[in-house]
Amino acid sequence: MEDALMVAAIVFAGVLVVGGAVLAIVASRRRIIRQRLQGPTLARPSAEKAGEHPLLSVLNRIGMTVSGGASSRTLAERLAHAGYFGRSAPGVYLGLKLLLLVAGLAGAAVLLAPTSLTMPLKSVMVAAAGLLLFFAPNVVVELRWRHRREEIRRHFPDAIDLLEICISAGMGLDMAWNLVVQEVRYIGQGLRDEMALTDLEVHLGVPRMIAIKHMAERTGIQEISSLATMMVQTERFGTSIADALRTFADAMREDRSLRAQEAAEKTAVKLTFPLVVFIFPAVIVVLVGPAAIRLAEMIRFS
């Protein structure tokens, strides 16, 4: 009886979430129809016009409903660091977390209901399944941000070298930046997107130094922020930007070399667990096994 009540409660919660999403879609379509009947307006284009997938639109509405129509700046910055720049990214993120929570609770309840486990154990396992799926987007965003950050940090010194070479050859900073954006696409998509977005901001009227600071905020990489500070000081004191970029690139290459050495030194520590768990038992069996078998035979026949 308790199992049936738990399954019914979970299914009821899932129906409420799905029903709310359907009602939100219907209300949105009705609002779009009313806007069209009222004539042309300057309202924000719908998700279909903007090319947004209907599922993402539903998740965005659910997330905005849960968060009260506003998302925290910290969440938006963390998603931007992972490469999700859309205005609806926080809403989609929160909606996906809620949907996975309900799916985890309902799925675990349905799977565990026929078993002979006790009710407290079933409740704990259902809650664990729901929380596991609830925090899965956090893990995905964190892993994507780390991968993107390491990719940009790995290729950024090469981009600075190319920028310094172009400026030393007589190009202006804007033209050299455009050339680097075109060439860097062959080595890193993330760095190319960030530099292209920075170049777009400059073309829209944002000062170059402010655009580079925005790039540092989007990526969360300290080296890019240091580049913006270095350019500001170079412009203020009238020093050669080519010499400053050359020194900056040398420092970044040295830092990259130190990080590679640090990662190599950590390898021995990381290999300790697989050695102890997987390799040492096999070695012991191979070395001690024949002697143990012979000793057992000697003891049996003695």
C-alpha atoms as a PDB file:
ATOM      1  CA  MET A   1       0.000   0.000   0.000  1.00  0.00           C
ATOM      2  CA  GLU A   2       2.789   2.395   0.871  1.00  0.00           C
ATOM      3  CA  ASP A   3       4.567   1.566  -2.403  1.00  0.00           C
ATOM      4  CA  ALA A   4       1.427   2.335  -4.369  1.00  0.00           C
ATOM      5  CA  LEU A   5       1.008   5.675  -2.558  1.00  0.00           C
ATOM      6  CA  MET A   6       4.629   6.631  -3.233  1.00  0.00           C
ATOM      7  CA  VAL A   7       4.348   5.770  -6.925  1.00  0.00           C
ATOM      8  CA  ALA A   8       1.065   7.687  -7.168  1.00  0.00           C
ATOM      9  CA  ALA A   9       2.608  10.771  -5.524  1.00  0.00           C
ATOM     10  CA  ILE A  10       5.621  10.751  -7.824  1.00  0.00           C
ATOM     11  CA  VAL A  11       3.473  10.254 -10.923  1.00  0.00           C
ATOM     12  CA  PHE A  12       1.159  13.047  -9.778  1.00  0.00           C
ATOM     13  CA  ALA A  13       4.140  15.421  -9.421  1.00  0.00           C
ATOM     14  CA  GLY A  14       5.346  14.462 -12.890  1.00  0.00           C
ATOM     15  CA  VAL A  15       1.886  15.077 -14.351  1.00  0.00           C
ATOM     16  CA  LEU A  16       1.787  18.493 -12.692  1.00  0.00           C
ATOM     17  CA  VAL A  17       5.131  19.490 -14.225  1.00  0.00           C
ATOM     18  CA  VAL A  18       4.225  18.223 -17.704  1.00  0.00           C
ATOM     19  CA  GLY A  19       0.794  19.800 -17.487  1.00  0.00           C
ATOM     20  CA  GLY A  20       2.265  23.122 -16.436  1.00  0.00           C
ATOM     21  CA  ALA A  21       4.660  23.019 -19.383  1.00  0.00           C
ATOM     22  CA  VAL A  22       1.773  22.292 -21.798  1.00  0.00           C
ATOM     23  CA  LEU A  23      -0.287  25.148 -20.348  1.00  0.00           C
ATOM     24  CA  ALA A  24       2.713  27.491 -20.684  1.00  0.00           C
ATOM     25  CA  ILE A  25       3.078  26.541 -24.365  1.00  0.00           C
ATOM     26  CA  VAL A  26      -0.630  27.074 -25.030  1.00  0.00           C
ATOM     27  CA  ALA A  27      -0.592  30.433 -23.246  1.00  0.00           C
ATOM     28  CA  SER A  28       2.473  31.525 -25.215  1.00  0.00           C
ATOM     29  CA  ARG A  29       0.837  30.616 -28.530  1.00  0.00           C
ATOM     30  CA  ARG A  30      -2.328  32.460 -27.584  1.00  0.00           C
ATOM     31  CA  ARG A  31      -0.270  35.527 -26.672  1.00  0.00           C
ATOM     32  CA  ILE A  32       1.494  35.391 -30.034  1.00  0.00           C
ATOM     33  CA  ILE A  33      -1.858  35.161 -31.840  1.00  0.00           C
ATOM     34  CA  ARG A  34      -3.233  38.127 -29.889  1.00  0.00           C
ATOM     35  CA  GLN A  35      -0.134  40.168 -30.760  1.00  0.00           C
ATOM     36  CA  ARG A  36      -0.594  39.357 -34.444  1.00  0.00           C
ATOM     37  CA  LEU A  37      -4.273  40.323 -34.323  1.00  0.00           C
ATOM     38  CA  GLN A  38      -3.404  43.642 -32.664  1.00  0.00           C
ATOM     39  CA  GLY A  39      -1.060  44.505 -35.521  1.00  0.00           C
ATOM     40  CA  PRO A  40       2.721  44.933 -35.857  1.00  0.00           C
ATOM     41  CA  THR A  41       4.546  45.698 -32.627  1.00  0.00           C
ATOM     42  CA  LEU A  42       8.105  46.079 -31.478  1.00  0.00           C
ATOM     43  CA  ALA A  43       7.845  43.154 -29.098  1.00  0.00           C
ATOM     44  CA  ARG A  44      10.595  40.655 -28.725  1.00  0.00           C
ATOM     45  CA  PRO A  45      10.412  37.934 -31.423  1.00  0.00           C
ATOM     46  CA  SER A  46       9.060  34.546 -30.440  1.00  0.00           C
ATOM     47  CA  ALA A  47      11.174  31.453 -29.923  1.00  0.00           C
ATOM     48  CA  GLU A  48      10.155  30.077 -33.318  1.00  0.00           C
ATOM     49  CA  LYS A  49      11.241  33.276 -35.093  1.00  0.00           C
ATOM     50  CA  ALA A  50      14.497  33.396 -33.177  1.00  0.00           C
ATOM     51  CA  GLY A  51      15.278  29.844 -34.222  1.00  0.00           C
ATOM     52  CA  GLU A  52      15.032  28.449 -30.692  1.00  0.00           C
ATOM     53  CA  HIS A  53      14.011  24.821 -30.314  1.00  0.00           C
ATOM     54  CA  PRO A  54      10.520  24.347 -28.813  1.00  0.00           C
ATOM     55  CA  LEU A  55      11.914  22.069 -26.080  1.00  0.00           C
ATOM     56  CA  LEU A  56      14.393  24.763 -25.040  1.00  0.00           C
ATOM     57  CA  SER A  57      11.553  27.271 -24.982  1.00  0.00           C
ATOM     58  CA  VAL A  58       9.565  25.008 -22.649  1.00  0.00           C
ATOM     59  CA  LEU A  59      12.553  24.494 -20.348  1.00  0.00           C
ATOM     60  CA  ASN A  60      13.169  28.240 -20.319  1.00  0.00           C
ATOM     61  CA  ARG A  61       9.584  28.936 -19.244  1.00  0.00           C
ATOM     62  CA  ILE A  62       9.783  26.310 -16.515  1.00  0.00           C
ATOM     63  CA  GLY A  63      13.107  27.708 -15.267  1.00  0.00           C
ATOM     64  CA  MET A  64      11.859  31.289 -15.290  1.00  0.00           C
ATOM     65  CA  THR A  65       8.736  30.209 -13.395  1.00  0.00           C
ATOM     66  CA  VAL A  66      10.808  28.459 -10.744  1.00  0.00           C
ATOM     67  CA  SER A  67      13.258  31.374 -10.371  1.00  0.00           C
ATOM     68  CA  GLY A  68      10.512  33.994 -10.386  1.00  0.00           C
ATOM     69  CA  GLY A  69      11.472  35.408 -13.802  1.00  0.00           C
ATOM     70  CA  ALA A  70      15.017  36.405 -12.808  1.00  0.00           C
ATOM     71  CA  SER A  71      18.277  34.483 -12.632  1.00  0.00           C
ATOM     72  CA  SER A  72      21.361  35.260 -10.603  1.00  0.00           C
ATOM     73  CA  ARG A  73      24.334  36.972 -12.183  1.00  0.00           C
ATOM     74  CA  THR A  74      26.616  34.234 -10.824  1.00  0.00           C
ATOM     75  CA  LEU A  75      24.684  31.543 -12.706  1.00  0.00           C
ATOM     76  CA  ALA A  76      24.792  33.539 -15.953  1.00  0.00           C
ATOM     77  CA  GLU A  77      28.554  34.057 -15.572  1.00  0.00           C
ATOM     78  CA  ARG A  78      29.168  30.374 -14.872  1.00  0.00           C
ATOM     79  CA  LEU A  79      27.186  29.362 -17.953  1.00  0.00           C
ATOM     80  CA  ALA A  80      29.056  31.959 -20.011  1.00  0.00           C
ATOM     81  CA  HIS A  81      32.354  30.484 -18.823  1.00  0.00           C
ATOM     82  CA  ALA A  82      31.157  27.112 -20.140  1.00  0.00           C
ATOM     83  CA  GLY A  83      30.263  28.634 -23.523  1.00  0.00           C
ATOM     84  CA  TYR A  84      26.500  29.149 -23.104  1.00  0.00           C
ATOM     85  CA  PHE A  85      25.957  32.816 -23.948  1.00  0.00           C
ATOM     86  CA  GLY A  86      22.215  32.827 -24.750  1.00  0.00           C
ATOM     87  CA  ARG A  87      19.899  35.027 -22.723  1.00  0.00           C
ATOM     88  CA  SER A  88      17.685  31.993 -22.107  1.00  0.00           C
ATOM     89  CA  ALA A  89      20.586  29.802 -20.907  1.00  0.00           C
ATOM     90  CA  PRO A  90      19.882  30.274 -17.144  1.00  0.00           C
ATOM     91  CA  GLY A  91      16.185  29.495 -17.611  1.00  0.00           C
ATOM     92  CA  VAL A  92      16.915  26.404 -19.711  1.00  0.00           C
ATOM     93  CA  TYR A  93      19.490  25.282 -17.137  1.00  0.00           C
ATOM     94  CA  LEU A  94      17.067  25.581 -14.205  1.00  0.00           C
ATOM     95  CA  GLY A  95      14.219  23.998 -16.159  1.00  0.00           C
ATOM     96  CA  LEU A  96      16.406  21.052 -17.133  1.00  0.00           C
ATOM     97  CA  LYS A  97      17.452  20.513 -13.523  1.00  0.00           C
ATOM     98  CA  LEU A  98      13.811  20.449 -12.399  1.00  0.00           C
ATOM     99  CA  LEU A  99      12.809  18.107 -15.216  1.00  0.00           C
ATOM    100  CA  LEU A 100      15.655  15.706 -14.411  1.00  0.00           C
ATOM    101  CA  LEU A 101      14.716  15.783 -10.714  1.00  0.00           C
ATOM    102  CA  VAL A 102      11.130  14.763 -11.463  1.00  0.00           C
ATOM    103  CA  ALA A 103      12.280  12.145 -13.985  1.00  0.00           C
ATOM    104  CA  GLY A 104      14.735  10.658 -11.491  1.00  0.00           C
ATOM    105  CA  LEU A 105      12.165  10.477  -8.697  1.00  0.00           C
ATOM    106  CA  ALA A 106       9.468   8.992 -10.927  1.00  0.00           C
ATOM    107  CA  GLY A 107      11.775   6.502 -12.633  1.00  0.00           C
ATOM    108  CA  ALA A 108      13.313   5.278  -9.399  1.00  0.00           C
ATOM    109  CA  ALA A 109       9.880   4.946  -7.763  1.00  0.00           C
ATOM    110  CA  VAL A 110       8.528   2.895 -10.651  1.00  0.00           C
ATOM    111  CA  LEU A 111      11.589   0.629 -10.727  1.00  0.00           C
ATOM    112  CA  LEU A 112      11.754   0.079  -6.956  1.00  0.00           C
ATOM    113  CA  ALA A 113       8.034  -0.385  -6.308  1.00  0.00           C
ATOM    114  CA  PRO A 114       7.911  -4.115  -7.206  1.00  0.00           C
ATOM    115  CA  THR A 115      11.004  -4.954  -5.130  1.00  0.00           C
ATOM    116  CA  SER A 116      10.944  -6.359  -1.606  1.00  0.00           C
ATOM    117  CA  LEU A 117      13.028  -3.608  -0.049  1.00  0.00           C
ATOM    118  CA  THR A 118      11.849  -1.763   3.033  1.00  0.00           C
ATOM    119  CA  MET A 119      10.021   1.539   2.646  1.00  0.00           C
ATOM    120  CA  PRO A 120      12.767   3.704   4.246  1.00  0.00           C
ATOM    121  CA  LEU A 121      15.404   2.166   1.967  1.00  0.00           C
ATOM    122  CA  LYS A 122      13.214   2.750  -1.078  1.00  0.00           C
ATOM    123  CA  SER A 123      12.678   6.373  -0.066  1.00  0.00           C
ATOM    124  CA  VAL A 124      16.415   6.922   0.322  1.00  0.00           C
ATOM    125  CA  MET A 125      17.166   5.327  -3.053  1.00  0.00           C
ATOM    126  CA  VAL A 126      14.438   7.353  -4.784  1.00  0.00           C
ATOM    127  CA  ALA A 127      15.747  10.585  -3.248  1.00  0.00           C
ATOM    128  CA  ALA A 128      19.316   9.651  -4.222  1.00  0.00           C
ATOM    129  CA  ALA A 129      18.288   9.005  -7.825  1.00  0.00           C
ATOM    130  CA  GLY A 130      16.456  12.328  -8.014  1.00  0.00           C
ATOM    131  CA  LEU A 131      19.370  14.262  -6.525  1.00  0.00           C
ATOM    132  CA  LEU A 132      21.846  12.485  -8.799  1.00  0.00           C
ATOM    133  CA  LEU A 133      19.991  13.592 -11.918  1.00  0.00           C
ATOM    134  CA  PHE A 134      19.313  17.021 -10.392  1.00  0.00           C
ATOM    135  CA  PHE A 135      23.024  17.753 -10.013  1.00  0.00           C
ATOM    136  CA  ALA A 136      24.024  16.163 -13.345  1.00  0.00           C
ATOM    137  CA  PRO A 137      23.813  19.534 -15.213  1.00  0.00           C
ATOM    138  CA  ASN A 138      26.170  21.048 -12.632  1.00  0.00           C
ATOM    139  CA  VAL A 139      28.766  18.401 -13.420  1.00  0.00           C
ATOM    140  CA  VAL A 140      28.336  18.837 -17.184  1.00  0.00           C
ATOM    141  CA  VAL A 141      28.720  22.624 -16.974  1.00  0.00           C
ATOM    142  CA  GLU A 142      31.770  22.319 -14.711  1.00  0.00           C
ATOM    143  CA  LEU A 143      33.484  19.798 -17.004  1.00  0.00           C
ATOM    144  CA  ARG A 144      32.715  21.887 -20.099  1.00  0.00           C
ATOM    145  CA  TRP A 145      34.085  25.023 -18.438  1.00  0.00           C
ATOM    146  CA  ARG A 146      37.301  23.273 -17.437  1.00  0.00           C
ATOM    147  CA  HIS A 147      37.790  21.829 -20.916  1.00  0.00           C
ATOM    148  CA  ARG A 148      37.091  25.179 -22.561  1.00  0.00           C
ATOM    149  CA  ARG A 149      39.373  27.043 -20.157  1.00  0.00           C
ATOM    150  CA  GLU A 150      42.263  24.641 -20.687  1.00  0.00           C
ATOM    151  CA  GLU A 151      41.834  24.802 -24.459  1.00  0.00           C
ATOM    152  CA  ILE A 152      41.912  28.607 -24.487  1.00  0.00           C
ATOM    153  CA  ARG A 153      44.861  28.778 -22.077  1.00  0.00           C
ATOM    154  CA  ARG A 154      46.785  26.265 -24.171  1.00  0.00           C
ATOM    155  CA  HIS A 155      46.365  28.168 -27.451  1.00  0.00           C
ATOM    156  CA  PHE A 156      46.349  31.741 -26.150  1.00  0.00           C
ATOM    157  CA  PRO A 157      50.184  32.134 -26.101  1.00  0.00           C
ATOM    158  CA  ASP A 158      50.318  31.144 -29.776  1.00  0.00           C
ATOM    159  CA  ALA A 159      47.687  33.760 -30.604  1.00  0.00           C
ATOM    160  CA  ILE A 160      49.663  36.416 -28.731  1.00  0.00           C
ATOM    161  CA  ASP A 161      52.816  35.430 -30.642  1.00  0.00           C
ATOM    162  CA  LEU A 162      50.991  35.817 -33.936  1.00  0.00           C
ATOM    163  CA  LEU A 163      49.553  39.160 -32.799  1.00  0.00           C
ATOM    164  CA  GLU A 164      53.029  40.393 -31.863  1.00  0.00           C
ATOM    165  CA  ILE A 165      54.454  39.295 -35.228  1.00  0.00           C
ATOM    166  CA  CYS A 166      51.715  41.141 -37.116  1.00  0.00           C
ATOM    167  CA  ILE A 167      52.199  44.330 -35.109  1.00  0.00           C
ATOM    168  CA  SER A 168      55.985  44.141 -35.510  1.00  0.00           C
ATOM    169  CA  ALA A 169      55.445  43.850 -39.273  1.00  0.00           C
ATOM    170  CA  GLY A 170      53.709  47.230 -39.280  1.00  0.00           C
ATOM    171  CA  MET A 171      50.021  46.345 -38.919  1.00  0.00           C
ATOM    172  CA  GLY A 172      47.706  48.235 -36.643  1.00  0.00           C
ATOM    173  CA  LEU A 173      46.213  46.556 -33.598  1.00  0.00           C
ATOM    174  CA  ASP A 174      42.731  46.239 -35.104  1.00  0.00           C
ATOM    175  CA  MET A 175      43.964  44.764 -38.388  1.00  0.00           C
ATOM    176  CA  ALA A 176      46.351  42.426 -36.570  1.00  0.00           C
ATOM    177  CA  TRP A 177      43.532  41.243 -34.293  1.00  0.00           C
ATOM    178  CA  ASN A 178      41.318  40.510 -37.316  1.00  0.00           C
ATOM    179  CA  LEU A 179      44.101  38.478 -38.930  1.00  0.00           C
ATOM    180  CA  VAL A 180      44.683  36.491 -35.749  1.00  0.00           C
ATOM    181  CA  VAL A 181      40.946  35.719 -35.544  1.00  0.00           C
ATOM    182  CA  GLN A 182      41.093  34.289 -39.061  1.00  0.00           C
ATOM    183  CA  GLU A 183      44.192  32.199 -38.391  1.00  0.00           C
ATOM    184  CA  VAL A 184      43.405  30.971 -34.884  1.00  0.00           C
ATOM    185  CA  ARG A 185      40.345  29.013 -36.049  1.00  0.00           C
ATOM    186  CA  TYR A 186      42.694  26.223 -37.136  1.00  0.00           C
ATOM    187  CA  ILE A 187      43.999  25.624 -33.614  1.00  0.00           C
ATOM    188  CA  GLY A 188      41.084  26.290 -31.263  1.00  0.00           C
ATOM    189  CA  GLN A 189      37.388  26.923 -31.813  1.00  0.00           C
ATOM    190  CA  GLY A 190      36.803  28.331 -28.328  1.00  0.00           C
ATOM    191  CA  LEU A 191      39.579  30.907 -28.603  1.00  0.00           C
ATOM    192  CA  ARG A 192      38.470  31.825 -32.115  1.00  0.00           C
ATOM    193  CA  ASP A 193      34.872  32.439 -30.944  1.00  0.00           C
ATOM    194  CA  GLU A 194      35.997  34.601 -28.040  1.00  0.00           C
ATOM    195  CA  MET A 195      38.356  36.704 -30.150  1.00  0.00           C
ATOM    196  CA  ALA A 196      35.734  37.074 -32.878  1.00  0.00           C
ATOM    197  CA  LEU A 197      33.169  38.224 -30.316  1.00  0.00           C
ATOM    198  CA  THR A 198      35.677  40.735 -28.940  1.00  0.00           C
ATOM    199  CA  ASP A 199      36.315  42.023 -32.463  1.00  0.00           C
ATOM    200  CA  LEU A 200      32.548  42.367 -32.997  1.00  0.00           C
ATOM    201  CA  GLU A 201      32.249  44.458 -29.838  1.00  0.00           C
ATOM    202  CA  VAL A 202      35.015  46.741 -31.089  1.00  0.00           C
ATOM    203  CA  HIS A 203      33.224  47.195 -34.428  1.00  0.00           C
ATOM    204  CA  LEU A 204      30.065  48.105 -32.495  1.00  0.00           C
ATOM    205  CA  GLY A 205      31.889  50.942 -30.723  1.00  0.00           C
ATOM    206  CA  VAL A 206      33.238  49.343 -27.542  1.00  0.00           C
ATOM    207  CA  PRO A 207      36.844  50.365 -26.754  1.00  0.00           C
ATOM    208  CA  ARG A 208      39.381  47.622 -27.413  1.00  0.00           C
ATOM    209  CA  MET A 209      40.542  47.412 -23.791  1.00  0.00           C
ATOM    210  CA  ILE A 210      36.970  47.162 -22.474  1.00  0.00           C
ATOM    211  CA  ALA A 211      36.179  44.447 -25.035  1.00  0.00           C
ATOM    212  CA  ILE A 212      39.209  42.434 -23.916  1.00  0.00           C
ATOM    213  CA  LYS A 213      38.076  42.803 -20.298  1.00  0.00           C
ATOM    214  CA  HIS A 214      34.670  41.454 -21.338  1.00  0.00           C
ATOM    215  CA  MET A 215      36.494  38.528 -22.945  1.00  0.00           C
ATOM    216  CA  ALA A 216      38.262  37.866 -19.654  1.00  0.00           C
ATOM    217  CA  GLU A 217      34.931  37.944 -17.799  1.00  0.00           C
ATOM    218  CA  ARG A 218      33.335  35.519 -20.257  1.00  0.00           C
ATOM    219  CA  THR A 219      36.175  33.004 -20.024  1.00  0.00           C
ATOM    220  CA  GLY A 220      37.251  33.456 -16.410  1.00  0.00           C
ATOM    221  CA  ILE A 221      40.940  33.310 -17.431  1.00  0.00           C
ATOM    222  CA  GLN A 222      43.356  35.540 -15.548  1.00  0.00           C
ATOM    223  CA  GLU A 223      45.840  35.776 -18.437  1.00  0.00           C
ATOM    224  CA  ILE A 224      43.324  37.594 -20.637  1.00  0.00           C
ATOM    225  CA  SER A 225      42.617  40.085 -17.872  1.00  0.00           C
ATOM    226  CA  SER A 226      46.375  40.617 -17.534  1.00  0.00           C
ATOM    227  CA  LEU A 227      46.558  41.263 -21.292  1.00  0.00           C
ATOM    228  CA  ALA A 228      43.912  43.995 -21.006  1.00  0.00           C
ATOM    229  CA  THR A 229      45.765  45.596 -18.082  1.00  0.00           C
ATOM    230  CA  MET A 230      49.057  45.436 -19.988  1.00  0.00           C
ATOM    231  CA  MET A 231      47.530  47.124 -23.045  1.00  0.00           C
ATOM    232  CA  VAL A 232      46.042  49.885 -20.890  1.00  0.00           C
ATOM    233  CA  GLN A 233      49.422  50.576 -19.285  1.00  0.00           C
ATOM    234  CA  THR A 234      51.177  50.466 -22.665  1.00  0.00           C
ATOM    235  CA  GLU A 235      48.770  53.010 -24.113  1.00  0.00           C
ATOM    236  CA  ARG A 236      49.012  55.212 -21.033  1.00  0.00           C
ATOM    237  CA  PHE A 237      52.816  55.337 -20.886  1.00  0.00           C
ATOM    238  CA  GLY A 238      53.387  55.325 -24.654  1.00  0.00           C
ATOM    239  CA  THR A 239      55.645  52.257 -24.779  1.00  0.00           C
ATOM    240  CA  SER A 240      55.941  49.878 -27.717  1.00  0.00           C
ATOM    241  CA  ILE A 241      53.029  47.450 -27.803  1.00  0.00           C
ATOM    242  CA  ALA A 242      55.073  44.959 -29.837  1.00  0.00           C
ATOM    243  CA  ASP A 243      57.740  44.765 -27.104  1.00  0.00           C
ATOM    244  CA  ALA A 244      55.060  44.468 -24.434  1.00  0.00           C
ATOM    245  CA  LEU A 245      53.329  41.649 -26.315  1.00  0.00           C
ATOM    246  CA  ARG A 246      56.648  39.858 -26.830  1.00  0.00           C
ATOM    247  CA  THR A 247      57.397  39.974 -23.098  1.00  0.00           C
ATOM    248  CA  PHE A 248      53.858  38.934 -22.274  1.00  0.00           C
ATOM    249  CA  ALA A 249      54.025  35.977 -24.683  1.00  0.00           C
ATOM    250  CA  ASP A 250      57.337  34.826 -23.178  1.00  0.00           C
ATOM    251  CA  ALA A 251      55.826  34.925 -19.702  1.00  0.00           C
ATOM    252  CA  MET A 252      52.793  32.949 -20.860  1.00  0.00           C
ATOM    253  CA  ARG A 253      54.937  30.289 -22.541  1.00  0.00           C
ATOM    254  CA  GLU A 254      56.985  29.908 -19.377  1.00  0.00           C
ATOM    255  CA  ASP A 255      53.801  29.604 -17.331  1.00  0.00           C
ATOM    256  CA  ARG A 256      52.493  26.967 -19.737  1.00  0.00           C
ATOM    257  CA  SER A 257      55.745  25.030 -19.386  1.00  0.00           C
ATOM    258  CA  LEU A 258      55.509  25.180 -15.591  1.00  0.00           C
ATOM    259  CA  ARG A 259      51.933  23.889 -15.689  1.00  0.00           C
ATOM    260  CA  ALA A 260      53.028  21.000 -17.921  1.00  0.00           C
ATOM    261  CA  GLN A 261      55.835  20.128 -15.473  1.00  0.00           C
ATOM    262  CA  GLU A 262      53.396  20.269 -12.569  1.00  0.00           C
ATOM    263  CA  ALA A 263      50.994  17.928 -14.375  1.00  0.00           C
ATOM    264  CA  ALA A 264      53.872  15.527 -15.127  1.00  0.00           C
ATOM    265  CA  GLU A 265      54.939  15.471 -11.477  1.00  0.00           C
ATOM    266  CA  LYS A 266      51.371  14.680 -10.394  1.00  0.00           C
ATOM    267  CA  THR A 267      51.323  11.617 -12.635  1.00  0.00           C
ATOM    268  CA  ALA A 268      53.206   9.449 -10.135  1.00  0.00           C
ATOM    269  CA  VAL A 269      50.712  10.261  -7.390  1.00  0.00           C
ATOM    270  CA  LYS A 270      47.729   9.608  -9.683  1.00  0.00           C
ATOM    271  CA  LEU A 271      49.152   6.203 -10.667  1.00  0.00           C
ATOM    272  CA  THR A 272      49.303   5.031  -7.042  1.00  0.00           C
ATOM    273  CA  PHE A 273      45.658   3.944  -6.868  1.00  0.00           C
ATOM    274  CA  PRO A 274      45.569   1.856 -10.090  1.00  0.00           C
ATOM    275  CA  LEU A 275      48.927   0.311  -9.167  1.00  0.00           C
ATOM    276  CA  VAL A 276      47.722  -0.789  -5.737  1.00  0.00           C
ATOM    277  CA  VAL A 277      44.279  -1.953  -6.853  1.00  0.00           C
ATOM    278  CA  PHE A 278      44.922  -3.528 -10.268  1.00  0.00           C
ATOM    279  CA  ILE A 279      48.636  -4.207 -10.875  1.00  0.00           C
ATOM    280  CA  PHE A 280      50.058  -5.232  -7.494  1.00  0.00           C
ATOM    281  CA  PRO A 281      47.493  -8.050  -6.868  1.00  0.00           C
ATOM    282  CA  ALA A 282      48.228  -9.533 -10.294  1.00  0.00           C
ATOM    283  CA  VAL A 283      51.980  -9.361  -9.662  1.00  0.00           C
ATOM    284  CA  ILE A 284      51.572 -11.020  -6.273  1.00  0.00           C
ATOM    285  CA  VAL A 285      49.453 -13.813  -7.777  1.00  0.00           C
ATOM    286  CA  VAL A 286      52.040 -14.444 -10.517  1.00  0.00           C
ATOM    287  CA  LEU A 287      55.028 -14.427  -8.158  1.00  0.00           C
ATOM    288  CA  VAL A 288      53.597 -16.063  -5.033  1.00  0.00           C
ATOM    289  CA  GLY A 289      50.980 -18.321  -6.666  1.00  0.00           C
ATOM    290  CA  PRO A 290      53.284 -21.179  -7.822  1.00  0.00           C
ATOM    291  CA  ALA A 291      55.178 -21.174  -4.533  1.00  0.00           C
ATOM    292  CA  ALA A 292      51.905 -21.236  -2.571  1.00  0.00           C
ATOM    293  CA  ILE A 293      50.598 -24.166  -4.637  1.00  0.00           C
ATOM    294  CA  ARG A 294      53.816 -26.140  -4.131  1.00  0.00           C
ATOM    295  CA  LEU A 295      53.806 -25.378  -0.413  1.00  0.00           C
ATOM    296  CA  ALA A 296      50.209 -26.568  -0.129  1.00  0.00           C
ATOM    297  CA  GLU A 297      51.084 -29.830  -1.913  1.00  0.00           C
ATOM    298  CA  MET A 298      54.071 -30.408   0.381  1.00  0.00           C
ATOM    299  CA  ILE A 299      51.920 -29.866   3.463  1.00  0.00           C
ATOM    300  CA  ARG A 300      49.213 -32.217   2.154  1.00  0.00           C
ATOM    301  CA  PHE A 301      51.601 -35.106   1.347  1.00  0.00           C
ATOM    302  CA  SER A 302      53.753 -34.707   4.439  1.00  0.00           C
END
